[in-house]
Protein backbone atom coordinates (compact mmCIF):
# COMPACT_ATOMS: atom_id res chain seq x y z
CA MET A 1 -43.21 -156.96 -178.08
CA LYS A 2 -43.66 -158.91 -175.24
CA ILE A 3 -40.56 -159.48 -173.02
CA LEU A 4 -40.05 -162.19 -170.69
CA LEU A 5 -36.73 -160.87 -167.84
CA VAL A 6 -35.60 -164.70 -165.70
CA TYR A 7 -33.05 -164.57 -164.01
CA PRO A 8 -31.53 -168.42 -163.43
CA ARG A 9 -31.61 -169.53 -159.45
CA HIS A 10 -28.27 -169.42 -157.46
CA PRO A 11 -27.10 -172.93 -156.48
CA GLU A 12 -26.92 -173.30 -152.11
CA THR A 13 -24.00 -170.94 -151.63
CA PHE A 14 -22.40 -168.90 -148.75
CA TRP A 15 -23.95 -165.62 -149.92
CA SER A 16 -27.39 -167.23 -150.85
CA PHE A 17 -28.07 -167.02 -147.16
CA LYS A 18 -30.85 -169.40 -147.63
CA TYR A 19 -31.17 -171.12 -144.36
CA ALA A 20 -30.86 -167.88 -142.41
CA LEU A 21 -33.84 -167.03 -145.16
CA ARG A 22 -35.82 -169.01 -143.24
CA PHE A 23 -36.37 -167.97 -140.24
CA ILE A 24 -38.09 -164.76 -141.80
CA GLY A 25 -40.09 -166.09 -144.49
CA LYS A 26 -38.11 -165.14 -147.13
CA LYS A 27 -36.77 -166.60 -150.84
CA SER A 28 -33.88 -164.66 -151.78
CA ALA A 29 -31.08 -162.72 -150.09
CA PHE A 30 -31.63 -160.06 -153.42
CA PRO A 31 -33.69 -159.04 -156.58
CA PRO A 32 -32.55 -158.76 -159.60
CA LEU A 33 -31.47 -155.89 -159.92
CA GLY A 34 -29.56 -155.90 -163.35
CA LEU A 35 -32.99 -157.01 -164.79
CA LEU A 36 -35.33 -154.59 -163.01
CA THR A 37 -32.88 -151.63 -164.26
CA ILE A 38 -32.20 -153.13 -167.84
CA ALA A 39 -36.63 -152.82 -167.58
CA ASN A 40 -36.42 -149.54 -167.74
CA MET A 41 -34.35 -149.20 -170.95
CA LEU A 42 -36.98 -150.55 -173.20
CA PRO A 43 -39.55 -149.25 -175.19
CA GLU A 44 -42.54 -147.95 -172.94
CA HIS A 45 -45.28 -149.81 -175.02
CA TRP A 46 -43.14 -153.04 -174.82
CA GLN A 47 -45.41 -156.43 -172.32
CA LEU A 48 -42.65 -156.95 -169.61
CA LYS A 49 -43.03 -159.67 -167.31
CA LEU A 50 -40.27 -160.91 -164.88
CA VAL A 51 -39.40 -164.58 -163.44
CA ASP A 52 -36.63 -164.72 -160.46
CA MET A 53 -36.32 -168.47 -160.50
CA ASN A 54 -35.06 -168.04 -156.77
CA VAL A 55 -38.34 -167.16 -155.41
CA GLN A 56 -40.85 -168.78 -158.27
CA LYS A 57 -40.64 -171.61 -160.89
CA LEU A 58 -40.40 -170.86 -164.70
CA PRO A 59 -44.04 -171.15 -166.10
CA GLU A 60 -44.53 -172.96 -169.24
CA LYS A 61 -47.18 -170.58 -170.05
CA ASP A 62 -45.19 -167.54 -169.28
CA LEU A 63 -42.42 -168.85 -172.29
CA GLN A 64 -45.60 -169.31 -174.51
CA TRP A 65 -46.51 -165.99 -173.98
CA ALA A 66 -42.71 -164.27 -174.74
CA ASP A 67 -41.47 -163.24 -177.68
CA TYR A 68 -37.92 -162.58 -176.54
CA VAL A 69 -36.52 -164.49 -173.01
CA PHE A 70 -34.02 -162.11 -171.47
CA ILE A 71 -31.04 -163.59 -169.67
CA SER A 72 -28.61 -161.25 -166.99
CA ALA A 73 -26.79 -163.77 -165.58
CA THR A 74 -23.15 -164.09 -163.24
CA SER A 75 -20.91 -167.01 -163.67
CA ILE A 76 -22.05 -169.24 -160.18
CA GLN A 77 -25.64 -169.50 -162.44
CA ARG A 78 -24.24 -170.91 -164.91
CA ASN A 79 -25.80 -174.49 -164.58
CA SER A 80 -29.26 -172.82 -164.14
CA VAL A 81 -28.85 -171.07 -167.26
CA LEU A 82 -28.06 -174.01 -169.82
CA GLN A 83 -31.34 -175.24 -167.82
CA ILE A 84 -33.42 -171.85 -169.01
CA VAL A 85 -31.86 -172.42 -172.92
CA GLU A 86 -33.10 -175.75 -172.95
CA GLN A 87 -36.83 -174.50 -172.16
CA CYS A 88 -36.61 -171.79 -173.84
CA GLN A 89 -35.91 -174.12 -177.38
CA LYS A 90 -38.70 -176.36 -176.87
CA ALA A 91 -40.51 -173.22 -176.42
CA GLY A 92 -39.20 -171.97 -179.95
CA VAL A 93 -39.08 -169.19 -178.56
CA LYS A 94 -35.78 -166.42 -178.62
CA ILE A 95 -33.19 -166.02 -176.51
CA VAL A 96 -30.95 -162.76 -175.38
CA ALA A 97 -28.72 -162.52 -172.74
CA GLY A 98 -26.29 -160.15 -170.91
CA GLY A 99 -24.37 -159.11 -167.89
CA PRO A 100 -21.21 -160.71 -166.25
CA LEU A 101 -21.13 -164.21 -167.62
CA PHE A 102 -21.67 -163.77 -171.05
CA THR A 103 -19.42 -160.64 -171.23
CA THR A 104 -16.60 -162.57 -170.19
CA ALA A 105 -17.38 -165.91 -171.96
CA HIS A 106 -20.76 -165.29 -174.46
CA SER A 107 -18.64 -167.88 -176.89
CA ASP A 108 -19.31 -170.75 -174.25
CA PHE A 109 -22.94 -170.73 -174.89
CA SER A 110 -24.69 -171.74 -177.99
CA GLY A 111 -28.68 -172.07 -178.61
CA ILE A 112 -28.78 -168.25 -177.47
CA ASP A 113 -30.23 -165.93 -180.09
CA HIS A 114 -28.39 -162.63 -179.37
CA PHE A 115 -25.69 -161.04 -176.34
CA ILE A 116 -25.39 -157.92 -174.79
CA LEU A 117 -22.45 -157.42 -173.53
CA ASN A 118 -20.54 -155.68 -171.43
CA GLU A 119 -22.75 -151.90 -170.31
CA ALA A 120 -25.90 -152.04 -171.10
CA GLU A 121 -26.39 -148.37 -171.01
CA ILE A 122 -23.96 -148.73 -174.54
CA THR A 123 -25.23 -151.84 -176.35
CA LEU A 124 -28.92 -152.57 -175.22
CA PRO A 125 -30.60 -149.34 -177.10
CA GLN A 126 -27.94 -150.70 -180.45
CA PHE A 127 -30.01 -153.77 -180.11
CA VAL A 128 -33.54 -152.76 -179.52
CA HIS A 129 -32.82 -150.20 -182.28
CA ASP A 130 -31.40 -153.40 -184.67
CA LEU A 131 -34.79 -155.04 -183.19
CA GLN A 132 -37.38 -152.70 -184.56
CA GLN A 133 -35.77 -152.23 -187.56
CA GLY A 134 -35.91 -155.98 -188.65
CA ASN A 135 -32.19 -156.64 -188.45
CA PRO A 136 -30.70 -157.58 -185.04
CA ARG A 137 -27.12 -158.85 -185.27
CA GLN A 138 -26.37 -161.78 -182.78
CA VAL A 139 -23.32 -160.28 -180.55
CA TYR A 140 -23.40 -156.59 -179.30
CA THR A 141 -20.66 -155.38 -178.12
CA SER A 142 -18.46 -152.35 -177.20
CA ASP A 143 -15.47 -151.23 -174.95
CA GLN A 144 -17.20 -147.90 -173.83
CA LEU A 145 -18.00 -147.37 -170.52
CA ALA A 146 -21.48 -146.16 -170.21
CA GLU A 147 -21.82 -142.30 -167.76
CA LEU A 148 -24.56 -143.56 -164.79
CA SER A 149 -26.53 -140.67 -165.56
CA GLN A 150 -28.20 -142.62 -168.49
CA THR A 151 -28.72 -145.24 -165.91
CA PRO A 152 -32.87 -145.63 -164.73
CA VAL A 153 -34.14 -146.54 -161.34
CA PRO A 154 -35.51 -149.94 -161.03
CA ARG A 155 -38.99 -151.10 -162.17
CA TRP A 156 -39.79 -152.42 -158.84
CA GLU A 157 -43.29 -153.28 -159.36
CA LEU A 158 -42.07 -156.11 -161.17
CA ILE A 159 -40.84 -158.44 -158.49
CA PRO A 160 -42.86 -159.63 -155.29
CA LYS A 161 -40.44 -157.15 -152.33
CA ASN A 162 -41.97 -159.05 -149.80
CA LYS A 163 -39.90 -162.74 -151.19
CA TYR A 164 -36.42 -160.84 -150.65
CA GLY A 165 -34.36 -159.99 -147.51
CA ALA A 166 -33.28 -156.53 -148.96
CA MET A 167 -33.22 -154.53 -151.43
CA SER A 168 -30.19 -153.17 -153.89
CA ILE A 169 -29.04 -150.32 -155.23
CA GLN A 170 -26.26 -148.98 -157.08
CA TYR A 171 -23.99 -145.91 -156.96
CA SER A 172 -21.11 -146.42 -158.68
CA ARG A 173 -19.21 -148.80 -160.24
CA GLY A 174 -15.40 -149.22 -161.07
CA CYS A 175 -12.48 -149.62 -158.67
CA PRO A 176 -9.24 -147.54 -158.01
CA PHE A 177 -7.03 -150.90 -157.35
CA ASN A 178 -6.04 -153.75 -159.16
CA CYS A 179 -6.21 -156.94 -157.38
CA ASP A 180 -5.04 -159.44 -159.68
CA PHE A 181 -7.28 -162.22 -159.42
CA CYS A 182 -10.66 -159.84 -159.54
CA ASP A 183 -12.36 -159.29 -162.49
CA ILE A 184 -14.50 -155.76 -161.49
CA THR A 185 -12.16 -153.96 -163.39
CA LEU A 186 -11.96 -155.93 -166.52
CA LEU A 187 -15.82 -155.69 -166.52
CA TYR A 188 -16.02 -151.83 -164.76
CA GLY A 189 -12.86 -150.14 -165.41
CA HIS A 190 -10.24 -148.82 -162.47
CA LYS A 191 -12.61 -145.23 -162.67
CA THR A 192 -14.83 -145.27 -160.09
CA ARG A 193 -18.59 -143.26 -162.06
CA VAL A 194 -21.04 -142.33 -160.18
CA LYS A 195 -24.63 -141.39 -159.93
CA SER A 196 -25.51 -137.98 -158.65
CA LYS A 197 -26.99 -137.45 -155.41
CA ALA A 198 -30.44 -136.58 -157.14
CA GLN A 199 -30.37 -140.12 -158.89
CA ILE A 200 -29.72 -141.72 -155.32
CA ILE A 201 -32.45 -140.14 -153.29
CA LEU A 202 -34.74 -140.85 -156.10
CA GLU A 203 -34.55 -144.27 -156.14
CA LEU A 204 -34.52 -144.52 -152.25
CA ASP A 205 -37.96 -142.65 -152.61
CA GLN A 206 -38.95 -145.30 -155.00
CA LEU A 207 -38.39 -147.88 -152.78
CA TYR A 208 -40.21 -146.08 -149.91
CA ALA A 209 -43.43 -145.50 -152.22
CA ASN A 210 -43.01 -149.13 -152.86
CA HIS A 211 -43.60 -149.72 -149.65
CA TRP A 212 -40.17 -151.08 -148.29
CA ARG A 213 -38.58 -150.98 -144.78
CA GLY A 214 -36.05 -152.69 -144.08
CA SER A 215 -32.38 -153.24 -145.28
CA VAL A 216 -30.88 -151.85 -148.79
CA PHE A 217 -27.36 -153.14 -150.06
CA PHE A 218 -25.85 -150.78 -152.28
CA VAL A 219 -24.31 -153.22 -154.60
CA ASP A 220 -21.07 -151.36 -155.67
CA ASP A 221 -17.83 -153.24 -155.77
CA ASN A 222 -16.12 -150.93 -153.65
CA PHE A 223 -18.30 -147.94 -152.56
CA ILE A 224 -15.39 -145.36 -151.26
CA GLY A 225 -13.41 -146.19 -154.51
CA ASN A 226 -14.42 -141.99 -154.79
CA LYS A 227 -14.13 -140.65 -151.31
CA THR A 228 -14.96 -136.34 -152.38
CA ARG A 229 -18.18 -136.55 -154.19
CA LEU A 230 -18.91 -139.69 -151.66
CA LYS A 231 -18.60 -137.00 -148.68
CA ASN A 232 -19.74 -134.06 -150.60
CA GLU A 233 -22.41 -134.69 -151.69
CA VAL A 234 -24.19 -138.25 -151.24
CA LEU A 235 -23.55 -139.46 -148.18
CA PRO A 236 -25.31 -135.95 -146.86
CA ALA A 237 -28.00 -136.37 -149.15
CA ILE A 238 -28.76 -140.18 -148.05
CA THR A 239 -28.41 -139.11 -143.85
CA GLU A 240 -30.75 -136.02 -144.62
CA TRP A 241 -33.34 -138.34 -146.30
CA MET A 242 -33.37 -140.82 -143.81
CA LYS A 243 -33.50 -138.23 -141.05
CA LYS A 244 -36.68 -136.59 -142.77
CA HIS A 245 -38.19 -139.97 -143.79
CA ARG A 246 -37.58 -141.71 -139.32
CA TYR A 247 -35.18 -144.15 -140.78
CA PRO A 248 -37.12 -146.60 -142.78
CA PHE A 249 -33.80 -148.11 -144.10
CA THR A 250 -30.65 -149.56 -143.01
CA PHE A 251 -27.62 -149.46 -145.95
CA LEU A 252 -24.53 -152.67 -146.02
CA THR A 253 -21.89 -152.10 -149.21
CA GLN A 254 -18.79 -153.28 -149.85
CA ALA A 255 -15.31 -151.19 -149.58
CA SER A 256 -11.75 -151.57 -149.23
CA VAL A 257 -10.11 -151.07 -145.79
CA ASN A 258 -8.57 -148.45 -146.23
CA LEU A 259 -12.29 -147.13 -145.17
CA ALA A 260 -10.61 -147.59 -141.53
CA ASP A 261 -8.14 -144.24 -142.56
CA ASP A 262 -10.21 -142.15 -142.80
CA ASP A 263 -12.77 -141.49 -139.38
CA GLU A 264 -14.82 -139.03 -140.91
CA LEU A 265 -16.42 -140.83 -143.72
CA LEU A 266 -16.71 -144.18 -141.53
CA LYS A 267 -18.96 -141.40 -138.92
CA MET A 268 -20.60 -139.94 -142.06
CA MET A 269 -21.70 -143.39 -143.76
CA VAL A 270 -22.74 -144.83 -139.94
CA ASN A 271 -24.45 -141.08 -139.90
CA ALA A 272 -26.47 -142.18 -143.03
CA GLY A 273 -27.48 -145.29 -141.99
CA PHE A 274 -25.20 -147.86 -143.18
CA ASP A 275 -24.64 -150.54 -140.39
CA THR A 276 -22.34 -153.67 -142.68
CA VAL A 277 -19.53 -153.90 -144.76
CA PHE A 278 -18.05 -156.44 -146.81
CA VAL A 279 -14.10 -156.73 -146.88
CA GLY A 280 -12.11 -158.09 -148.69
CA ILE A 281 -9.14 -159.29 -146.07
CA GLU A 282 -8.00 -161.99 -148.58
CA SER A 283 -4.69 -163.34 -146.29
CA PRO A 284 -3.21 -162.79 -143.14
CA ASN A 285 0.42 -163.42 -145.25
CA GLU A 286 1.77 -159.74 -146.52
CA ALA A 287 3.39 -161.98 -149.18
CA SER A 288 0.59 -163.33 -150.09
CA LEU A 289 -1.06 -160.03 -150.30
CA THR A 290 1.90 -158.49 -152.48
CA GLU A 291 1.56 -161.56 -155.00
CA CYS A 292 -1.92 -160.85 -155.71
CA LEU A 293 -1.33 -156.99 -155.87
CA LYS A 294 -3.33 -156.01 -152.99
CA SER A 295 -1.63 -153.10 -152.18
CA GLN A 296 -4.14 -151.43 -150.44
CA ASN A 297 -3.91 -154.73 -147.46
CA THR A 298 -0.19 -154.10 -147.22
CA LYS A 299 2.10 -152.59 -144.50
CA ARG A 300 -1.22 -151.91 -142.08
CA ASP A 301 -2.04 -153.71 -139.27
CA LEU A 302 -5.40 -155.23 -140.57
CA ILE A 303 -6.59 -156.13 -137.30
CA HIS A 304 -6.52 -152.75 -135.93
CA ALA A 305 -8.48 -151.66 -139.41
CA ILE A 306 -11.48 -153.78 -138.84
CA LYS A 307 -11.77 -153.17 -135.11
CA LYS A 308 -12.00 -149.41 -135.55
CA CYS A 309 -15.11 -149.96 -137.89
CA GLN A 310 -16.49 -152.36 -135.72
CA GLN A 311 -16.28 -150.16 -132.57
CA ALA A 312 -17.49 -147.08 -135.00
CA GLY A 313 -20.97 -148.89 -135.24
CA LEU A 314 -20.01 -151.16 -138.84
CA GLN A 315 -20.19 -154.67 -138.76
CA ILE A 316 -17.61 -155.84 -141.13
CA GLN A 317 -18.18 -159.12 -142.97
CA GLY A 318 -14.49 -160.42 -144.43
CA GLY A 319 -13.30 -162.12 -147.81
CA PHE A 320 -10.72 -164.42 -147.38
CA ILE A 321 -8.66 -166.91 -149.85
CA VAL A 322 -5.79 -169.39 -149.76
CA GLY A 323 -4.05 -171.01 -152.65
CA PHE A 324 -1.97 -168.21 -153.41
CA ASP A 325 1.59 -169.00 -154.62
CA SER A 326 3.21 -167.62 -151.46
CA ASP A 327 1.16 -168.91 -149.05
CA PRO A 328 3.35 -171.06 -146.01
CA LEU A 329 2.23 -174.84 -144.78
CA THR A 330 1.37 -172.31 -141.85
CA ILE A 331 -1.08 -170.61 -143.74
CA PHE A 332 -4.70 -172.39 -142.76
CA ASP A 333 -3.65 -171.47 -138.70
CA GLN A 334 -2.94 -168.30 -139.43
CA HIS A 335 -6.27 -167.67 -141.41
CA ILE A 336 -7.80 -169.39 -137.97
CA ARG A 337 -5.87 -167.17 -135.50
CA PHE A 338 -7.11 -164.41 -137.79
CA ILE A 339 -10.64 -164.41 -137.96
CA GLN A 340 -10.93 -165.38 -134.58
CA GLN A 341 -9.33 -162.21 -133.29
CA SER A 342 -11.12 -159.90 -135.43
CA GLY A 343 -14.49 -160.58 -134.78
CA ILE A 344 -15.50 -161.34 -138.34
CA THR A 345 -18.04 -163.79 -138.23
CA THR A 346 -19.09 -163.83 -141.49
CA ALA A 347 -16.15 -164.62 -142.81
CA MET A 348 -16.04 -165.94 -146.23
CA VAL A 349 -12.88 -168.27 -146.86
CA GLY A 350 -12.64 -169.34 -150.65
CA LEU A 351 -10.22 -171.33 -152.19
CA LEU A 352 -8.76 -169.41 -155.31
CA ASN A 353 -9.96 -169.53 -158.13
CA ALA A 354 -8.61 -168.04 -161.70
CA LEU A 355 -11.73 -165.91 -163.86
CA LYS A 356 -11.23 -165.67 -167.31
CA GLY A 357 -9.56 -162.09 -168.39
CA THR A 358 -7.68 -161.56 -164.97
CA GLY A 359 -4.14 -160.46 -164.62
CA LEU A 360 -3.92 -164.13 -162.65
CA PHE A 361 -6.01 -165.83 -165.00
CA GLN A 362 -3.48 -164.86 -167.60
CA ARG A 363 -0.39 -165.56 -165.59
CA LEU A 364 -1.27 -168.91 -165.02
CA GLU A 365 -1.96 -169.17 -168.68
CA LYS A 366 1.26 -168.63 -169.54
CA GLU A 367 2.38 -171.12 -167.19
CA HIS A 368 0.25 -173.75 -168.79
CA ARG A 369 -0.86 -174.08 -164.98
CA MET A 370 -5.24 -173.75 -166.39
CA LEU A 371 -7.25 -176.86 -165.95
CA ARG A 372 -10.75 -175.27 -166.13
CA THR A 373 -13.31 -172.60 -166.16
CA SER A 374 -13.94 -171.39 -162.91
CA THR A 375 -17.34 -172.63 -160.87
CA GLY A 376 -18.02 -168.94 -159.62
CA ASP A 377 -18.42 -170.42 -155.96
CA ASN A 378 -14.84 -169.79 -154.17
CA THR A 379 -16.57 -171.76 -151.08
CA ASP A 380 -17.50 -175.07 -152.73
CA CYS A 381 -14.08 -177.14 -153.04
CA SER A 382 -12.84 -176.93 -156.43
CA ILE A 383 -9.86 -175.36 -157.46
CA ASN A 384 -9.43 -174.20 -161.25
CA PHE A 385 -5.62 -174.06 -161.55
CA VAL A 386 -2.62 -176.29 -160.72
CA PRO A 387 -1.25 -175.03 -156.80
CA LYS A 388 2.04 -174.17 -156.38
CA MET A 389 1.44 -176.32 -152.64
CA ASP A 390 0.13 -179.62 -152.74
CA VAL A 391 -3.37 -179.65 -153.68
CA GLN A 392 -4.56 -181.93 -151.38
CA VAL A 393 -2.95 -180.48 -148.37
CA LEU A 394 -4.59 -176.99 -149.86
CA ILE A 395 -8.14 -178.60 -150.17
CA GLU A 396 -7.90 -180.55 -146.61
CA GLY A 397 -6.18 -177.29 -145.26
CA TYR A 398 -9.45 -175.07 -146.66
CA LYS A 399 -11.84 -177.87 -144.45
CA LYS A 400 -9.53 -177.61 -141.48
CA ILE A 401 -10.35 -173.31 -141.73
CA ILE A 402 -14.37 -174.03 -142.06
CA LYS A 403 -14.02 -176.60 -139.84
CA GLN A 404 -12.50 -174.11 -137.40
CA ILE A 405 -14.29 -171.32 -137.81
CA TYR A 406 -17.58 -172.73 -137.84
CA SER A 407 -18.25 -174.98 -135.28
CA PRO A 408 -20.73 -174.14 -132.74
CA ALA A 409 -17.71 -172.83 -130.13
CA ASN A 410 -15.94 -170.84 -131.81
CA TYR A 411 -18.49 -169.27 -134.29
CA TYR A 412 -20.67 -167.92 -131.24
CA LYS A 413 -16.76 -166.94 -129.58
CA ARG A 414 -16.55 -164.58 -132.40
CA ALA A 415 -20.16 -163.21 -132.42
CA PHE A 416 -19.51 -162.65 -128.28
CA THR A 417 -15.79 -160.79 -129.43
CA PHE A 418 -17.49 -158.35 -132.15
CA LEU A 419 -21.04 -157.57 -129.83
CA LYS A 420 -18.22 -156.56 -127.52
CA GLN A 421 -16.50 -153.92 -129.21
CA PHE A 422 -19.04 -153.47 -131.58
CA ASN A 423 -20.30 -149.42 -130.94
CA MET A 424 -24.37 -149.74 -131.64
CA PRO A 425 -25.60 -145.63 -133.14
CA ARG A 426 -27.31 -144.05 -130.80
CA ILE A 427 -29.21 -142.00 -133.90
CA ARG A 428 -31.45 -144.42 -135.07
CA PRO A 429 -35.01 -145.41 -133.37
CA PHE A 430 -35.17 -148.90 -132.13
CA LYS A 431 -37.87 -150.49 -134.64
CA LEU A 432 -39.61 -153.79 -133.13
CA GLN A 433 -40.20 -155.94 -137.00
CA PHE A 434 -42.29 -158.38 -136.95
CA ASN A 435 -39.03 -160.38 -139.18
CA LEU A 436 -37.27 -159.95 -135.75
CA LEU A 437 -40.03 -161.38 -134.28
CA LEU A 438 -40.55 -164.36 -136.18
CA ALA A 439 -36.83 -164.79 -136.27
CA PHE A 440 -36.37 -164.83 -132.77
CA PHE A 441 -39.25 -167.16 -132.21
CA ARG A 442 -37.65 -169.75 -134.69
CA SER A 443 -34.41 -169.46 -133.62
CA THR A 444 -35.22 -170.38 -130.42
CA VAL A 445 -37.05 -173.97 -131.55
CA ARG A 446 -34.44 -174.32 -134.32
CA LEU A 447 -31.43 -173.45 -132.79
CA GLY A 448 -32.11 -172.96 -128.61
CA ILE A 449 -34.28 -176.64 -128.24
CA ILE A 450 -32.72 -179.07 -130.77
CA GLY A 451 -29.74 -176.98 -132.58
CA ARG A 452 -26.19 -178.83 -131.66
CA GLU A 453 -25.36 -175.26 -130.40
CA ARG A 454 -28.58 -174.55 -128.14
CA PHE A 455 -25.60 -174.00 -125.38
CA TYR A 456 -23.81 -171.01 -127.42
CA TYR A 457 -27.23 -169.62 -128.67
CA TRP A 458 -28.68 -169.06 -125.22
CA LYS A 459 -25.57 -167.41 -123.34
CA LEU A 460 -25.78 -165.44 -126.38
CA VAL A 461 -29.28 -164.13 -126.17
CA LEU A 462 -29.56 -164.01 -122.32
CA TRP A 463 -26.11 -162.16 -122.40
CA THR A 464 -26.98 -159.55 -125.16
CA LEU A 465 -30.41 -159.08 -123.56
CA PHE A 466 -28.34 -158.59 -120.14
CA ASN A 467 -25.55 -156.07 -121.30
CA ARG A 468 -26.24 -155.37 -125.03
CA PRO A 469 -30.16 -154.91 -125.26
CA VAL A 470 -29.79 -153.00 -128.17
CA SER A 471 -27.24 -155.13 -130.14
CA PHE A 472 -30.15 -157.95 -129.94
CA PRO A 473 -31.98 -157.74 -133.67
CA ILE A 474 -27.95 -157.79 -134.42
CA ALA A 475 -27.62 -160.90 -132.15
CA ILE A 476 -29.88 -163.25 -133.34
CA ASN A 477 -29.69 -162.39 -136.99
CA LEU A 478 -25.59 -163.60 -135.92
CA ALA A 479 -27.29 -166.54 -134.81
CA ILE A 480 -29.09 -167.35 -137.80
CA ASN A 481 -26.32 -166.69 -139.99
CA GLY A 482 -24.05 -168.96 -138.22
CA PHE A 483 -26.38 -171.86 -138.61
CA HIS A 484 -26.32 -171.05 -142.66
CA PHE A 485 -22.77 -171.63 -142.73
CA ARG A 486 -22.91 -174.31 -141.04
CA LYS A 487 -25.25 -176.08 -143.41
CA VAL A 488 -23.98 -174.40 -146.18
CA PHE A 489 -20.62 -175.78 -145.72
CA LYS A 490 -21.83 -179.22 -144.57
CA HIS A 491 -23.20 -180.12 -147.90
CA THR A 492 -20.26 -178.19 -150.11
CA CYS A 493 -16.83 -179.37 -148.38
CA LEU A 494 -17.23 -181.30 -144.65
């Protein structure tokens, strides 16, 4: 059996980092971890190829070669999926589809021969068995949740690793919280299921053996969902491995804001090599947080929590949302003030959208306020329901936030705020990497000579060199990320 694994193209979005990656000669931020993992669940004697359309085109000869095309996708890749389906139909090759997009909306797609829904550890073996018996069904689904001990190591040899900005690992699935706009618990449940420390160390070993050095993204939606296992087993094992291998990686992940409540956990994550964490802040308005059931963010000083993490040695990236029913007309200025005070440079501000199957979606459907399917990109100025606030006021207010926080003056002001309170960990040796040199030299031209932010760029570079030289790589990264964010928002809603 000849299987072509195809990962659809991501559009130019906030998280694509397309314009930043050009500074270091990369094509895509992260590899298709799901397909790489699926590849190791298929029979050993099957022949496999993988095409990530974010780093290469889909060759016609590969479609002619394949018996089946396997597609995995999220909602933001919908348009690319439709193009792939059309190509496959023209080539006469059968299609097998799975991943979050199809698990929640497979009925929206025609022309796909087989759907492998929910968690592949459960449904994929059923499909493979039936296929080998010659009688595969169209839809495979299950309400069971997999034990992650069943999840194999990704097949890293299938991709050109030098095309990516970072590699990826999954430690856990599920989240203990119940934010009503989020589909994570819908897909993966409330119980945090985890891999063993032996599995994580094996995956680090495999990345190391495949000559990867650099950033590794723990893709967990809430990395700290099971603090006990994390603190007692996994983080100590990662720390020991990193010391033994002289810190070849840095780690980034996603976590809830209650990370700031645990001093020991903060220290352990930093010691293990984590330097960046994305946190869903959502809103500085307490009523809006209560409305969306974001209980972990209420009744606390969110600015203090962020600064505590920054001072511990973690760069905090933040998610923010406008469009809640409880948002007052002053919400736009509240967001701007909060983001500027926090020193969060990577601030993903989006319009609220209702994802299919979520609590928010169900409520709005009962109220007859749903309009259309979400695009999956909450930074493209689209909204798929009727908001309580006048829609034009909401969109113009959203644009005001983006214009303010990503103007060169305000963006670089936040970069200074962050660098002044960030404590770079001393445990890791400084390594002068080629990517850093390339980013610096390219940024001096694009940002320091011809860019409209050149005054702010050189002020940041020189200040960091004289006051925080150990943070120089971070400062360059902040500068090129700011360039990316301005380009993306210019192309979408400015």
